[in-house]
Amino acid sequence: QVQLVESGGGLVQAGDSLRLSCTASGRTVSTYALGWFRQAPGKEREFVAGISRGGEDRDYEEFAKGRFSIGRDNPGNAVWLQMNGMEPEDTAVYYCVASPVMSGSAVYRRPDEYKYWGQGTQVTVSS
């Protein structure tokens, strides 16, 4: 079993930056694809960004391109999400996700492709 714990959420103003972190425990996630999803009130959970197990391949949802950046720290068993130029529409609970993969380049986008989920961290962006 893998436990994921997010941190770094909070209240920011539009235009600000925020960095979310997620630390895994239970086993190493160096061979796992990692990612972030978010869910805003009254909306479905949506993909934000994903990263391959080696970190060479990344994928972003359209709204995140150019503003968000995902990275991983394999020795630290962690993944982070740097969010710049934040907008009120980014207000949501952000979830860290992980799943074991065979392919070194695999980056998953669908919720059902991820086996492990964190509890989420609230991000609120005021206008």
Foldseek 3Di string as FASTA:
>chain_A
DKAKAKDWADEEAAQAKTKMKIAIDDDFQLQKKKAKWWDDPPGDIFGAKIAFSPRPEIDGDPVNPPFKDKGADRVRRMIMIIGGRDDQVPWTWMKMFIDGDDDRHDTDTDPVRTDDIYPTDTHGYHD
